């Protein structure tokens, strides 16, 4: 299978590419060149600015047909519109990374049906100013306008030792420095996703006939205090946690339960790892990893700051 990856040098994209290559697929990276290509001659590359319509059209006009394109960096509906138009006739399937942010305002155990992009007001594609709205409107545009079959993966917080948002490394550093975590009460539970599982889910959607919308997360959920405690345990440190504050200073905290159900993907044969199977390993790697991640999400930070 021939796969085109938009954003294949990023945090999730690197795992996606590794997963695709392990299945002996032909991979082409569409990249701006700002982040290093870690795969050398194992992949082909085409140079483009993902967020420029003209650059997309020019770069893709020179390519052959791909069985699938995986878009890891489409933040806003105009980004998605431009990509789908440039890819029309060039690919057999489109796979898009969305976010648990589409469930904003909901709580509890959230199945894919809790947000139906077909039931919201679909606006003219534009450059949305809020992250959750960008993802919601992108999904709505894909549902209404995609000229090819598609799959959408919704992820909560993605954790790994080289997290491009630096959230995970920040928690590890604070624990190692003996800093106290101030958390609200009550504490809700939420689940997160291991970056390796995120990459593997995208590869699975790309290389199978599983179309539609899928949540991707570890099946188990926990409070922020439990997550901090488990990271600290892996590092051999006693965490400092206090409750009852007006605002939590952990970006993994939730006041109510916010848990993505992954039954749909699991019923079709995909296996997610439990948090305890990977969290300690990633915490110990983060302790040793002192470089800035190869991709820092600075662009998305500027969009929605």
Protein backbone atom coordinates (compact mmCIF):
# COMPACT_ATOMS: atom_id res chain seq x y z
CA UNK A 1 0.00 0.00 0.00
CA UNK A 2 1.19 3.51 -0.83
CA UNK A 3 0.63 6.00 1.98
CA UNK A 4 1.07 9.77 2.09
CA UNK A 5 1.56 11.24 5.57
CA UNK A 6 0.98 14.93 6.21
CA UNK A 7 3.01 15.70 9.33
CA UNK A 8 4.99 12.48 9.48
CA UNK A 9 7.91 14.01 11.39
CA UNK A 10 5.78 15.08 14.38
CA UNK A 11 5.12 13.47 17.77
CA UNK A 12 2.34 11.12 16.65
CA UNK A 13 3.42 11.12 13.01
CA UNK A 14 6.76 9.45 13.77
CA UNK A 15 4.98 6.52 15.42
CA UNK A 16 2.49 6.33 12.57
CA UNK A 17 5.28 6.14 10.00
CA UNK A 18 7.11 3.44 11.96
CA UNK A 19 3.90 1.42 12.16
CA UNK A 20 3.28 1.77 8.43
CA UNK A 21 6.85 0.77 7.59
CA UNK A 22 6.61 -2.29 9.82
CA UNK A 23 3.76 -3.44 7.57
CA UNK A 24 6.00 -3.01 4.51
CA UNK A 25 3.94 -0.13 3.14
CA UNK A 26 5.46 2.51 0.85
CA UNK A 27 5.48 5.81 2.76
CA UNK A 28 5.85 9.34 1.45
CA UNK A 29 6.23 12.22 3.88
CA UNK A 30 4.74 15.60 2.99
CA UNK A 31 6.90 17.92 5.03
CA UNK A 32 7.94 21.55 5.32
CA UNK A 33 11.47 20.44 6.17
CA UNK A 34 11.41 22.27 9.52
CA UNK A 35 11.62 18.99 11.47
CA UNK A 36 14.21 16.30 10.71
CA UNK A 37 13.30 13.20 8.74
CA UNK A 38 14.34 10.32 11.00
CA UNK A 39 13.61 7.64 8.44
CA UNK A 40 16.22 8.38 5.78
CA UNK A 41 15.83 6.46 2.54
CA UNK A 42 13.11 4.24 4.03
CA UNK A 43 10.61 6.90 2.97
CA UNK A 44 10.13 9.30 0.08
CA UNK A 45 9.51 12.99 0.72
CA UNK A 46 7.72 15.85 -0.97
CA UNK A 47 8.18 19.43 0.18
CA UNK A 48 5.12 21.57 0.89
CA UNK A 49 3.59 24.08 3.27
CA UNK A 50 0.61 22.16 4.65
CA UNK A 51 -1.19 25.41 5.47
CA UNK A 52 -0.84 27.03 2.05
CA UNK A 53 -3.44 26.12 -0.57
CA UNK A 54 -1.10 27.02 -3.42
CA UNK A 55 1.73 24.93 -1.96
CA UNK A 56 -0.57 21.94 -1.46
CA UNK A 57 -1.87 22.10 -5.01
CA UNK A 58 1.56 22.55 -6.55
CA UNK A 59 3.22 19.75 -4.58
CA UNK A 60 0.41 17.24 -5.03
CA UNK A 61 0.03 17.99 -8.75
CA UNK A 62 3.44 16.35 -9.23
CA UNK A 63 2.67 13.14 -7.31
CA UNK A 64 1.27 9.81 -8.37
CA UNK A 65 -1.71 8.03 -6.80
CA UNK A 66 -1.72 7.04 -3.11
CA UNK A 67 -3.96 4.45 -1.55
CA UNK A 68 -4.36 6.59 1.55
CA UNK A 69 -3.39 9.97 2.97
CA UNK A 70 -3.15 10.47 6.74
CA UNK A 71 -3.52 14.08 7.86
CA UNK A 72 -1.97 14.59 11.30
CA UNK A 73 -1.91 18.41 11.23
CA UNK A 74 -5.28 19.67 10.00
CA UNK A 75 -6.37 22.06 12.74
CA UNK A 76 -9.06 24.12 11.03
CA UNK A 77 -11.82 23.50 8.51
CA UNK A 78 -10.16 25.60 5.80
CA UNK A 79 -6.99 23.49 6.22
CA UNK A 80 -9.07 20.36 5.66
CA UNK A 81 -10.99 21.80 2.71
CA UNK A 82 -7.76 22.77 0.95
CA UNK A 83 -6.23 19.35 1.57
CA UNK A 84 -9.26 17.41 0.36
CA UNK A 85 -9.50 19.48 -2.80
CA UNK A 86 -5.78 19.04 -3.54
CA UNK A 87 -6.01 15.29 -2.83
CA UNK A 88 -9.17 14.67 -4.87
CA UNK A 89 -8.37 12.04 -7.50
CA UNK A 90 -4.97 11.42 -5.89
CA UNK A 91 -5.94 9.12 -3.00
CA UNK A 92 -8.29 6.26 -2.20
CA UNK A 93 -8.92 7.11 1.47
CA UNK A 94 -8.42 10.04 3.86
CA UNK A 95 -7.56 9.55 7.54
CA UNK A 96 -7.81 12.55 9.86
CA UNK A 97 -6.62 13.18 13.42
CA UNK A 98 -9.34 14.85 15.41
CA UNK A 99 -9.55 15.33 19.17
CA UNK A 100 -11.55 14.60 22.30
CA UNK A 101 -12.03 18.37 22.33
CA UNK A 102 -15.05 17.84 20.06
CA UNK A 103 -16.86 16.52 23.18
CA UNK A 104 -16.41 19.83 25.00
CA UNK A 105 -19.33 20.39 27.37
CA UNK A 106 -20.05 16.66 27.77
CA UNK A 107 -19.00 14.40 30.61
CA UNK A 108 -19.16 10.77 31.64
CA UNK A 109 -18.30 7.89 29.33
CA UNK A 110 -18.21 9.29 25.81
CA UNK A 111 -18.93 7.09 22.82
CA UNK A 112 -18.41 8.35 19.29
CA UNK A 113 -22.14 9.13 19.04
CA UNK A 114 -21.90 11.77 21.78
CA UNK A 115 -20.71 14.21 19.12
CA UNK A 116 -22.27 13.82 15.69
CA UNK A 117 -20.63 16.23 13.24
CA UNK A 118 -23.64 15.81 10.97
CA UNK A 119 -25.90 17.46 13.53
CA UNK A 120 -24.02 20.71 14.09
CA UNK A 121 -24.33 23.85 12.04
CA UNK A 122 -21.72 23.47 9.36
CA UNK A 123 -20.21 26.86 8.61
CA UNK A 124 -18.24 28.08 5.62
CA UNK A 125 -14.70 26.64 5.94
CA UNK A 126 -12.51 29.18 7.68
CA UNK A 127 -9.64 29.64 10.10
CA UNK A 128 -11.36 28.98 13.43
CA UNK A 129 -9.98 30.72 16.52
CA UNK A 130 -10.80 27.97 19.03
CA UNK A 131 -9.17 24.53 18.88
CA UNK A 132 -12.34 22.55 19.68
CA UNK A 133 -14.35 24.46 17.08
CA UNK A 134 -11.67 23.87 14.47
CA UNK A 135 -11.86 20.12 15.04
CA UNK A 136 -15.68 20.08 15.15
CA UNK A 137 -16.00 22.03 11.93
CA UNK A 138 -13.27 19.97 10.25
CA UNK A 139 -15.16 16.78 11.05
CA UNK A 140 -18.38 18.31 9.75
CA UNK A 141 -16.69 19.34 6.50
CA UNK A 142 -15.20 15.87 5.98
CA UNK A 143 -18.55 14.19 6.62
CA UNK A 144 -20.37 16.42 4.15
CA UNK A 145 -17.77 16.90 1.45
CA UNK A 146 -15.10 14.19 1.38
CA UNK A 147 -14.90 12.84 -2.19
CA UNK A 148 -13.31 9.63 -0.95
CA UNK A 149 -13.85 7.17 1.96
CA UNK A 150 -12.54 8.50 5.26
CA UNK A 151 -11.75 7.63 8.85
CA UNK A 152 -11.44 9.99 11.81
CA UNK A 153 -9.50 9.25 15.01
CA UNK A 154 -10.39 11.18 18.17
CA UNK A 155 -7.65 11.28 20.80
CA UNK A 156 -7.59 12.68 24.34
CA UNK A 157 -4.24 13.80 25.82
CA UNK A 158 -1.48 11.90 24.01
CA UNK A 159 1.35 10.88 26.36
CA UNK A 160 4.93 9.96 25.59
CA UNK A 161 8.43 10.87 26.69
CA UNK A 162 8.92 13.32 23.81
CA UNK A 163 5.48 14.93 23.92
CA UNK A 164 5.59 17.95 21.64
CA UNK A 165 3.27 19.91 23.96
CA UNK A 166 5.79 19.33 26.80
CA UNK A 167 2.94 18.54 29.23
CA UNK A 168 4.22 15.11 30.13
CA UNK A 169 7.82 16.26 30.55
CA UNK A 170 6.58 19.13 32.74
CA UNK A 171 4.87 16.67 35.08
CA UNK A 172 7.98 14.49 35.26
CA UNK A 173 10.19 17.51 35.98
CA UNK A 174 7.88 18.85 38.67
CA UNK A 175 7.79 15.48 40.41
CA UNK A 176 11.59 15.17 40.24
CA UNK A 177 11.95 18.70 41.67
CA UNK A 178 9.64 17.92 44.57
CA UNK A 179 7.04 20.47 43.54
CA UNK A 180 3.50 20.22 44.90
CA UNK A 181 0.52 19.61 42.64
CA UNK A 182 -2.53 21.68 43.60
CA UNK A 183 -5.76 19.99 42.54
CA UNK A 184 -9.43 20.87 42.70
CA UNK A 185 -12.10 18.82 44.39
CA UNK A 186 -13.98 16.85 43.37
CA UNK A 187 -11.64 15.12 40.95
CA UNK A 188 -13.05 13.57 37.84
CA UNK A 189 -11.50 10.67 35.98
CA UNK A 190 -10.25 10.81 32.42
CA UNK A 191 -8.28 8.57 30.11
CA UNK A 192 -5.35 9.38 27.89
CA UNK A 193 -3.67 7.57 25.02
CA UNK A 194 -0.16 6.20 24.65
CA UNK A 195 1.50 7.80 21.64
CA UNK A 196 2.46 4.35 20.28
CA UNK A 197 -1.21 3.31 20.35
CA UNK A 198 -2.18 6.56 18.63
CA UNK A 199 0.24 5.88 15.79
CA UNK A 200 -0.82 2.26 15.51
CA UNK A 201 -4.52 3.17 15.42
CA UNK A 202 -3.93 5.59 12.56
CA UNK A 203 -1.97 2.95 10.65
CA UNK A 204 -4.75 0.43 11.30
CA UNK A 205 -7.39 2.84 9.97
CA UNK A 206 -5.20 3.60 6.97
CA UNK A 207 -4.58 -0.01 5.97
CA UNK A 208 -7.97 -1.60 6.72
CA UNK A 209 -11.52 -1.01 5.58
CA UNK A 210 -12.53 0.47 8.91
CA UNK A 211 -14.12 3.78 7.95
CA UNK A 212 -15.95 6.36 10.05
CA UNK A 213 -15.18 7.83 13.46
CA UNK A 214 -13.17 6.04 16.18
CA UNK A 215 -12.10 7.05 19.68
CA UNK A 216 -8.55 6.12 20.60
CA UNK A 217 -7.45 5.88 24.25
CA UNK A 218 -6.31 3.57 27.00
CA UNK A 219 -9.45 1.80 28.25
CA UNK A 220 -8.81 2.64 31.91
CA UNK A 221 -9.41 6.07 33.44
CA UNK A 222 -7.98 7.75 36.53
CA UNK A 223 -7.91 11.00 38.44
CA UNK A 224 -5.05 13.46 37.97
CA UNK A 225 -3.80 12.65 41.47
CA UNK A 226 -3.62 8.97 40.55
CA UNK A 227 -1.77 9.72 37.33
CA UNK A 228 0.76 11.91 39.16
CA UNK A 229 1.20 9.22 41.81
CA UNK A 230 1.85 6.52 39.21
CA UNK A 231 4.42 8.68 37.40
CA UNK A 232 6.12 9.40 40.74
CA UNK A 233 6.12 5.71 41.66
CA UNK A 234 7.88 4.87 38.39
CA UNK A 235 10.52 7.48 39.23
CA UNK A 236 10.94 6.23 42.79
CA UNK A 237 9.73 9.52 44.29
CA UNK A 238 6.93 10.33 46.73
CA UNK A 239 4.63 12.90 45.09
CA UNK A 240 3.39 16.04 46.80
CA UNK A 241 -0.33 16.55 46.15
CA UNK A 242 -2.86 18.82 47.84
CA UNK A 243 -6.59 19.19 47.18
CA UNK A 244 -9.25 21.83 47.59
CA UNK A 245 -7.82 24.55 45.37
CA UNK A 246 -9.86 26.85 43.14
CA UNK A 247 -7.90 25.76 40.09
CA UNK A 248 -5.84 22.69 39.28
CA UNK A 249 -2.27 23.13 38.06
CA UNK A 250 -2.17 19.76 36.31
CA UNK A 251 -3.22 19.91 32.68
CA UNK A 252 -4.47 16.34 33.02
CA UNK A 253 -7.09 17.23 35.63
CA UNK A 254 -10.87 17.17 35.19
CA UNK A 255 -13.66 18.20 37.53
CA UNK A 256 -16.06 15.60 36.13
CA UNK A 257 -15.45 12.26 34.42
CA UNK A 258 -14.35 12.67 30.80
CA UNK A 259 -13.71 9.16 29.52
CA UNK A 260 -13.55 8.13 25.89
CA UNK A 261 -15.12 4.75 25.20
CA UNK A 262 -13.00 2.64 22.87
CA UNK A 263 -15.44 -0.23 22.50
CA UNK A 264 -16.03 0.47 18.81
CA UNK A 265 -12.37 0.01 17.83
CA UNK A 266 -11.89 -2.90 20.23
CA UNK A 267 -14.95 -4.69 18.87
CA UNK A 268 -13.30 -4.55 15.44
CA UNK A 269 -10.08 -6.09 16.73
CA UNK A 270 -7.83 -3.18 17.73
CA UNK A 271 -6.15 -3.48 21.13
CA UNK A 272 -5.25 -0.48 23.27
CA UNK A 273 -2.76 -0.83 26.12
CA UNK A 274 -3.76 -0.14 29.70
CA UNK A 275 -2.09 2.94 31.18
CA UNK A 276 -0.03 0.90 33.62
CA UNK A 277 1.48 -1.05 30.73
CA UNK A 278 3.30 2.00 29.35
CA UNK A 279 3.19 4.96 31.76
CA UNK A 280 6.20 3.99 33.89
CA UNK A 281 8.37 3.30 30.86
CA UNK A 282 7.55 6.69 29.31
CA UNK A 283 8.17 8.48 32.63
CA UNK A 284 11.63 6.94 32.96
CA UNK A 285 12.45 7.82 29.35
CA UNK A 286 11.29 11.41 29.92
CA UNK A 287 13.59 11.62 32.94
CA UNK A 288 16.57 10.85 30.70
CA UNK A 289 15.42 12.78 27.61
CA UNK A 290 16.73 16.31 27.80
CA UNK A 291 16.40 17.50 24.21
CA UNK A 292 13.61 19.61 22.82
CA UNK A 293 11.21 17.37 20.88
CA UNK A 294 11.82 17.43 17.12
CA UNK A 295 8.36 18.91 16.59
CA UNK A 296 7.05 21.37 19.15
CA UNK A 297 3.51 22.22 17.96
CA UNK A 298 4.50 25.86 18.04
CA UNK A 299 2.31 26.50 15.02
CA UNK A 300 -0.88 25.21 16.63
CA UNK A 301 0.03 27.09 19.79
CA UNK A 302 0.11 30.34 17.84
CA UNK A 303 -3.20 29.56 16.17
CA UNK A 304 -5.20 29.08 19.35
CA UNK A 305 -3.36 31.15 21.97
